[in-house]
C-alpha atoms as a PDB file:
ATOM      1  CA  MET A   1       0.000   0.000   0.000  1.00  0.00           C
ATOM      2  CA  THR A   2       1.307   3.289  -0.924  1.00  0.00           C
ATOM      3  CA  THR A   3       0.616   6.140   1.302  1.00  0.00           C
ATOM      4  CA  ARG A   4       1.032   9.581   0.289  1.00  0.00           C
ATOM      5  CA  ARG A   5       3.004  11.722   2.524  1.00  0.00           C
ATOM      6  CA  ARG A   6       1.324  14.912   3.479  1.00  0.00           C
ATOM      7  CA  ALA A   7       2.960  18.168   2.459  1.00  0.00           C
ATOM      8  CA  PRO A   8       4.395  20.101   5.363  1.00  0.00           C
ATOM      9  CA  GLU A   9       2.194  22.926   6.685  1.00  0.00           C
ATOM     10  CA  ILE A  10       3.255  26.445   5.640  1.00  0.00           C
ATOM     11  CA  THR A  11       2.964  28.863   8.492  1.00  0.00           C
ATOM     12  CA  TRP A  12       1.502  32.320   8.280  1.00  0.00           C
ATOM     13  CA  TRP A  13       4.970  33.889   8.565  1.00  0.00           C
ATOM     14  CA  GLU A  14       6.364  31.869   5.678  1.00  0.00           C
ATOM     15  CA  ARG A  15       3.387  32.748   3.453  1.00  0.00           C
ATOM     16  CA  THR A  16       3.835  36.455   4.216  1.00  0.00           C
ATOM     17  CA  ARG A  17       7.557  36.253   3.504  1.00  0.00           C
ATOM     18  CA  ILE A  18       6.978  34.434   0.221  1.00  0.00           C
ATOM     19  CA  ARG A  19       4.625  37.205  -0.925  1.00  0.00           C
ATOM     20  CA  THR A  20       6.587  40.171   0.447  1.00  0.00           C
ATOM     21  CA  ILE A  21      10.059  39.420  -0.943  1.00  0.00           C
ATOM     22  CA  PRO A  22       9.004  39.476  -4.635  1.00  0.00           C
ATOM     23  CA  ALA A  23       6.944  42.649  -4.057  1.00  0.00           C
ATOM     24  CA  VAL A  24       9.895  44.449  -2.455  1.00  0.00           C
ATOM     25  CA  MET A  25      12.199  43.330  -5.258  1.00  0.00           C
ATOM     26  CA  LEU A  26       9.722  44.588  -7.881  1.00  0.00           C
ATOM     27  CA  VAL A  27       9.496  48.009  -6.198  1.00  0.00           C
ATOM     28  CA  ALA A  28      13.309  48.240  -6.004  1.00  0.00           C
ATOM     29  CA  VAL A  29      13.723  47.413  -9.694  1.00  0.00           C
ATOM     30  CA  LEU A  30      11.018  49.871 -10.770  1.00  0.00           C
ATOM     31  CA  SER A  31      12.502  52.636  -8.611  1.00  0.00           C
ATOM     32  CA  THR A  32      15.948  52.073 -10.092  1.00  0.00           C
ATOM     33  CA  VAL A  33      14.627  52.112 -13.645  1.00  0.00           C
ATOM     34  CA  ALA A  34      12.613  55.287 -13.004  1.00  0.00           C
ATOM     35  CA  ALA A  35      15.576  57.058 -11.401  1.00  0.00           C
ATOM     36  CA  CYS A  36      18.029  56.115 -14.128  1.00  0.00           C
ATOM     37  CA  GLY A  37      15.685  56.593 -17.050  1.00  0.00           C
ATOM     38  CA  GLY A  38      15.140  59.750 -19.020  1.00  0.00           C
ATOM     39  CA  ASP A  39      16.662  61.629 -21.885  1.00  0.00           C
ATOM     40  CA  ALA A  40      20.390  62.286 -21.548  1.00  0.00           C
ATOM     41  CA  ASP A  41      20.070  65.844 -22.883  1.00  0.00           C
ATOM     42  CA  THR A  42      17.470  66.914 -20.330  1.00  0.00           C
ATOM     43  CA  ALA A  43      19.426  65.400 -17.472  1.00  0.00           C
ATOM     44  CA  ARG A  44      22.554  67.351 -18.407  1.00  0.00           C
ATOM     45  CA  SER A  45      22.864  70.740 -16.787  1.00  0.00           C
ATOM     46  CA  ASP A  46      25.450  73.411 -17.312  1.00  0.00           C
ATOM     47  CA  GLY A  47      25.084  74.494 -13.673  1.00  0.00           C
ATOM     48  CA  ALA A  48      22.752  76.744 -11.760  1.00  0.00           C
ATOM     49  CA  THR A  49      22.290  80.336 -12.827  1.00  0.00           C
ATOM     50  CA  SER A  50      22.037  82.911 -10.075  1.00  0.00           C
ATOM     51  CA  THR A  51      19.313  85.522  -9.963  1.00  0.00           C
ATOM     52  CA  THR A  52      21.888  88.162 -10.818  1.00  0.00           C
ATOM     53  CA  ARG A  53      22.875  86.416 -14.013  1.00  0.00           C
ATOM     54  CA  LEU A  54      19.249  85.992 -15.063  1.00  0.00           C
ATOM     55  CA  LEU A  55      18.355  89.613 -14.342  1.00  0.00           C
ATOM     56  CA  ASP A  56      21.484  91.145 -15.921  1.00  0.00           C
ATOM     57  CA  ALA A  57      19.786  90.722 -19.300  1.00  0.00           C
ATOM     58  CA  ALA A  58      16.614  92.482 -18.111  1.00  0.00           C
ATOM     59  CA  ALA A  59      15.715  95.981 -19.237  1.00  0.00           C
ATOM     60  CA  PRO A  60      17.381  98.801 -17.299  1.00  0.00           C
ATOM     61  CA  VAL A  61      15.560 100.167 -14.267  1.00  0.00           C
ATOM     62  CA  ASP A  62      13.443 103.293 -14.781  1.00  0.00           C
ATOM     63  CA  PRO A  63      14.355 105.602 -11.866  1.00  0.00           C
ATOM     64  CA  THR A  64      11.167 107.632 -12.353  1.00  0.00           C
ATOM     65  CA  THR A  65       8.889 104.752 -11.279  1.00  0.00           C
ATOM     66  CA  PRO A  66       8.301 103.976  -7.586  1.00  0.00           C
ATOM     67  CA  ASP A  67       9.923 100.526  -7.722  1.00  0.00           C
ATOM     68  CA  GLY A  68      12.732 101.873  -9.933  1.00  0.00           C
ATOM     69  CA  VAL A  69      13.598 104.525  -7.332  1.00  0.00           C
ATOM     70  CA  ALA A  70      13.709 101.851  -4.614  1.00  0.00           C
ATOM     71  CA  VAL A  71      16.005  99.656  -6.729  1.00  0.00           C
ATOM     72  CA  VAL A  72      18.395 102.501  -7.642  1.00  0.00           C
ATOM     73  CA  ALA A  73      18.555 103.941  -4.111  1.00  0.00           C
ATOM     74  CA  LEU A  74      19.131 100.573  -2.445  1.00  0.00           C
ATOM     75  CA  ARG A  75      21.801  99.626  -5.004  1.00  0.00           C
ATOM     76  CA  GLU A  76      23.671 102.783  -3.999  1.00  0.00           C
ATOM     77  CA  ILE A  77      23.117 102.151  -0.271  1.00  0.00           C
ATOM     78  CA  TYR A  78      24.348  98.538  -0.436  1.00  0.00           C
ATOM     79  CA  THR A  79      27.393  99.290  -2.638  1.00  0.00           C
ATOM     80  CA  TRP A  80      30.286  99.774  -0.251  1.00  0.00           C
ATOM     81  CA  ASN A  81      33.860 101.038  -0.618  1.00  0.00           C
ATOM     82  CA  PRO A  82      35.573 100.086   2.673  1.00  0.00           C
ATOM     83  CA  THR A  83      38.927 101.434   1.431  1.00  0.00           C
ATOM     84  CA  THR A  84      37.705 105.023   1.138  1.00  0.00           C
ATOM     85  CA  GLU A  85      34.448 105.150   3.119  1.00  0.00           C
ATOM     86  CA  GLU A  86      33.114 104.710   6.609  1.00  0.00           C
ATOM     87  CA  PRO A  87      30.019 102.593   7.297  1.00  0.00           C
ATOM     88  CA  GLY A  88      26.982 104.744   6.479  1.00  0.00           C
ATOM     89  CA  ASP A  89      28.666 106.842   3.763  1.00  0.00           C
ATOM     90  CA  SER A  90      26.771 104.917   1.103  1.00  0.00           C
ATOM     91  CA  VAL A  91      23.493 106.370   2.375  1.00  0.00           C
ATOM     92  CA  GLN A  92      24.894 109.869   1.819  1.00  0.00           C
ATOM     93  CA  ARG A  93      25.731 108.867  -1.783  1.00  0.00           C
ATOM     94  CA  ALA A  94      22.089 107.857  -2.278  1.00  0.00           C
ATOM     95  CA  ARG A  95      20.773 111.163  -0.882  1.00  0.00           C
ATOM     96  CA  LYS A  96      19.257 112.343  -4.187  1.00  0.00           C
ATOM     97  CA  TRP A  97      16.968 109.256  -4.168  1.00  0.00           C
ATOM     98  CA  LEU A  98      15.859 109.638  -0.534  1.00  0.00           C
ATOM     99  CA  GLY A  99      12.558 110.904   0.860  1.00  0.00           C
ATOM    100  CA  PRO A 100      11.920 113.253   3.787  1.00  0.00           C
ATOM    101  CA  SER A 101      12.138 110.652   6.578  1.00  0.00           C
ATOM    102  CA  MET A 102      15.468 109.297   5.355  1.00  0.00           C
ATOM    103  CA  ILE A 103      16.840 112.836   4.868  1.00  0.00           C
ATOM    104  CA  ARG A 104      15.848 113.750   8.448  1.00  0.00           C
ATOM    105  CA  MET A 105      17.572 110.584   9.693  1.00  0.00           C
ATOM    106  CA  LEU A 106      20.731 111.499   7.781  1.00  0.00           C
ATOM    107  CA  ASP A 107      20.726 115.080   9.032  1.00  0.00           C
ATOM    108  CA  SER A 108      20.227 114.046  12.665  1.00  0.00           C
ATOM    109  CA  SER A 109      23.190 113.620  14.987  1.00  0.00           C
ATOM    110  CA  ASP A 110      22.900 109.830  14.908  1.00  0.00           C
ATOM    111  CA  GLY A 111      22.562 109.614  11.112  1.00  0.00           C
ATOM    112  CA  VAL A 112      23.982 106.088  10.875  1.00  0.00           C
ATOM    113  CA  ALA A 113      21.248 104.569  13.061  1.00  0.00           C
ATOM    114  CA  GLY A 114      19.064 103.672  10.080  1.00  0.00           C
ATOM    115  CA  THR A 115      21.806 102.575   7.704  1.00  0.00           C
ATOM    116  CA  PRO A 116      22.422  98.945   6.769  1.00  0.00           C
ATOM    117  CA  LYS A 117      24.809  97.227   9.121  1.00  0.00           C
ATOM    118  CA  PRO A 118      28.065  96.505   7.318  1.00  0.00           C
ATOM    119  CA  SER A 119      29.765  93.190   7.707  1.00  0.00           C
ATOM    120  CA  LEU A 120      32.243  92.534  10.486  1.00  0.00           C
ATOM    121  CA  GLN A 121      34.692  92.099   7.606  1.00  0.00           C
ATOM    122  CA  TRP A 122      34.599  95.822   6.743  1.00  0.00           C
ATOM    123  CA  ALA A 123      38.125  96.448   8.060  1.00  0.00           C
ATOM    124  CA  ASP A 124      39.482  93.320   6.334  1.00  0.00           C
ATOM    125  CA  TRP A 125      37.973  94.429   3.014  1.00  0.00           C
ATOM    126  CA  GLY A 126      39.487  97.891   3.490  1.00  0.00           C
ATOM    127  CA  LYS A 127      42.958  96.434   4.108  1.00  0.00           C
ATOM    128  CA  ALA A 128      42.598  94.227   1.033  1.00  0.00           C
ATOM    129  CA  LYS A 129      41.407  97.250  -1.021  1.00  0.00           C
ATOM    130  CA  ALA A 130      38.234  95.363  -1.944  1.00  0.00           C
ATOM    131  CA  HIS A 131      34.858  96.896  -2.708  1.00  0.00           C
ATOM    132  CA  VAL A 132      31.341  95.494  -2.423  1.00  0.00           C
ATOM    133  CA  GLU A 133      29.092  95.697  -5.478  1.00  0.00           C
ATOM    134  CA  ALA A 134      25.338  95.466  -5.028  1.00  0.00           C
ATOM    135  CA  PHE A 135      22.795  94.154  -7.486  1.00  0.00           C
ATOM    136  CA  THR A 136      19.222  95.078  -6.549  1.00  0.00           C
ATOM    137  CA  PHE A 137      15.937  94.084  -8.125  1.00  0.00           C
ATOM    138  CA  ALA A 138      12.246  94.498  -7.416  1.00  0.00           C
ATOM    139  CA  SER A 139      10.270  91.383  -6.579  1.00  0.00           C
ATOM    140  CA  GLY A 140       7.797  90.145  -9.142  1.00  0.00           C
ATOM    141  CA  GLU A 141       5.059  90.271  -6.516  1.00  0.00           C
ATOM    142  CA  PRO A 142       2.630  93.169  -6.943  1.00  0.00           C
ATOM    143  CA  ALA A 143       2.936  95.899  -4.343  1.00  0.00           C
ATOM    144  CA  PRO A 144       0.160  95.947  -1.758  1.00  0.00           C
ATOM    145  CA  THR A 145      -2.178  98.839  -2.333  1.00  0.00           C
ATOM    146  CA  GLY A 146      -2.521 101.223   0.559  1.00  0.00           C
ATOM    147  CA  ALA A 147      -4.953 103.970   1.464  1.00  0.00           C
ATOM    148  CA  ASP A 148      -2.509 106.667   0.343  1.00  0.00           C
ATOM    149  CA  PRO A 149      -1.663 106.610  -3.384  1.00  0.00           C
ATOM    150  CA  ALA A 150       1.464 108.684  -2.674  1.00  0.00           C
ATOM    151  CA  VAL A 151       3.012 105.812  -0.644  1.00  0.00           C
ATOM    152  CA  ALA A 152       4.004 102.388  -1.971  1.00  0.00           C
ATOM    153  CA  GLN A 153       5.958  99.405  -0.659  1.00  0.00           C
ATOM    154  CA  TYR A 154       8.071  96.904  -2.594  1.00  0.00           C
ATOM    155  CA  LYS A 155      10.126  93.833  -1.804  1.00  0.00           C
ATOM    156  CA  ILE A 156      13.648  94.487  -3.077  1.00  0.00           C
ATOM    157  CA  GLY A 157      16.177  91.676  -3.460  1.00  0.00           C
ATOM    158  CA  ILE A 158      19.825  92.508  -2.772  1.00  0.00           C
ATOM    159  CA  GLU A 159      22.811  90.463  -3.897  1.00  0.00           C
ATOM    160  CA  GLN A 160      26.261  91.698  -2.897  1.00  0.00           C
ATOM    161  CA  THR A 161      29.637  90.613  -4.253  1.00  0.00           C
ATOM    162  CA  VAL A 162      33.006  91.463  -2.714  1.00  0.00           C
ATOM    163  CA  VAL A 163      35.480  92.228  -5.517  1.00  0.00           C
ATOM    164  CA  TYR A 164      39.213  92.124  -4.756  1.00  0.00           C
ATOM    165  CA  PRO A 165      41.895  93.944  -6.802  1.00  0.00           C
ATOM    166  CA  ASN A 166      43.319  90.609  -8.028  1.00  0.00           C
ATOM    167  CA  GLY A 167      39.967  89.809  -9.688  1.00  0.00           C
ATOM    168  CA  ARG A 168      38.787  87.320  -7.076  1.00  0.00           C
ATOM    169  CA  SER A 169      35.166  87.747  -6.046  1.00  0.00           C
ATOM    170  CA  GLU A 170      33.121  86.424  -3.166  1.00  0.00           C
ATOM    171  CA  GLU A 171      29.318  86.375  -3.013  1.00  0.00           C
ATOM    172  CA  LEU A 172      27.661  87.456   0.220  1.00  0.00           C
ATOM    173  CA  PRO A 173      24.369  85.904   1.349  1.00  0.00           C
ATOM    174  CA  PRO A 174      21.436  87.516  -0.477  1.00  0.00           C
ATOM    175  CA  SER A 175      18.857  89.519   1.434  1.00  0.00           C
ATOM    176  CA  THR A 176      15.468  91.123   0.921  1.00  0.00           C
ATOM    177  CA  VAL A 177      14.179  94.408   2.285  1.00  0.00           C
ATOM    178  CA  ILE A 178      10.772  96.053   2.264  1.00  0.00           C
ATOM    179  CA  ALA A 179      11.202  99.492   0.707  1.00  0.00           C
ATOM    180  CA  THR A 180       8.723 102.304   1.288  1.00  0.00           C
ATOM    181  CA  VAL A 181       8.666 104.995  -1.383  1.00  0.00           C
ATOM    182  CA  VAL A 182       6.771 108.271  -1.248  1.00  0.00           C
ATOM    183  CA  GLN A 183       5.732 110.749  -3.912  1.00  0.00           C
ATOM    184  CA  THR A 184       7.406 114.132  -3.423  1.00  0.00           C
ATOM    185  CA  PRO A 185       7.465 117.276  -5.599  1.00  0.00           C
ATOM    186  CA  GLN A 186      10.768 115.924  -7.011  1.00  0.00           C
ATOM    187  CA  GLY A 187       9.199 112.535  -7.879  1.00  0.00           C
ATOM    188  CA  TRP A 188       9.222 109.178  -6.080  1.00  0.00           C
ATOM    189  CA  ARG A 189      11.792 108.836  -3.283  1.00  0.00           C
ATOM    190  CA  LEU A 190      12.870 106.026  -0.924  1.00  0.00           C
ATOM    191  CA  ASP A 191      11.590 106.977   2.514  1.00  0.00           C
ATOM    192  CA  ALA A 192      12.305 103.834   4.553  1.00  0.00           C
ATOM    193  CA  PHE A 193      13.527 100.261   4.299  1.00  0.00           C
ATOM    194  CA  ARG A 194      13.626  97.379   6.722  1.00  0.00           C
END
């Protein structure tokens, strides 16, 4: 008499393992294929382009518009010459673009209170005869409308680069300020920034 031997019982754990391993392997293979796939030309990049490089090709700023005045004034304020200037002198250079509040601040005894804080490297840049160039641009976001049509606010981006006499340059961290411009008899003027 031949008796058939019964097949060994498969436990719950073994059944789960038998189903899970192929599923995990399938996901791994599909992930690898998806990550490695694609057109070679679209995957190739010539490197990131900074905001400055993208905006250099833009039309020149119109200093008669409210945002144009903010851009021009802040470019002057954030361009520094540590070799020949003291901190705060850049605000004096921008005086023709400034509104009444900024002019009062400049003419007060503590005129440097509202000026941008220069880097702790100011003295080092002066010794190295370096200067700091500023590139400023208005944000693409529309300015919020206020109750007074003679006052407007804009977000202004600022990118500064330290340029050394030997041609070496060093980018400083970018920043953004909120510029307030006011309409005066002379046209739009920068009246505050924070």
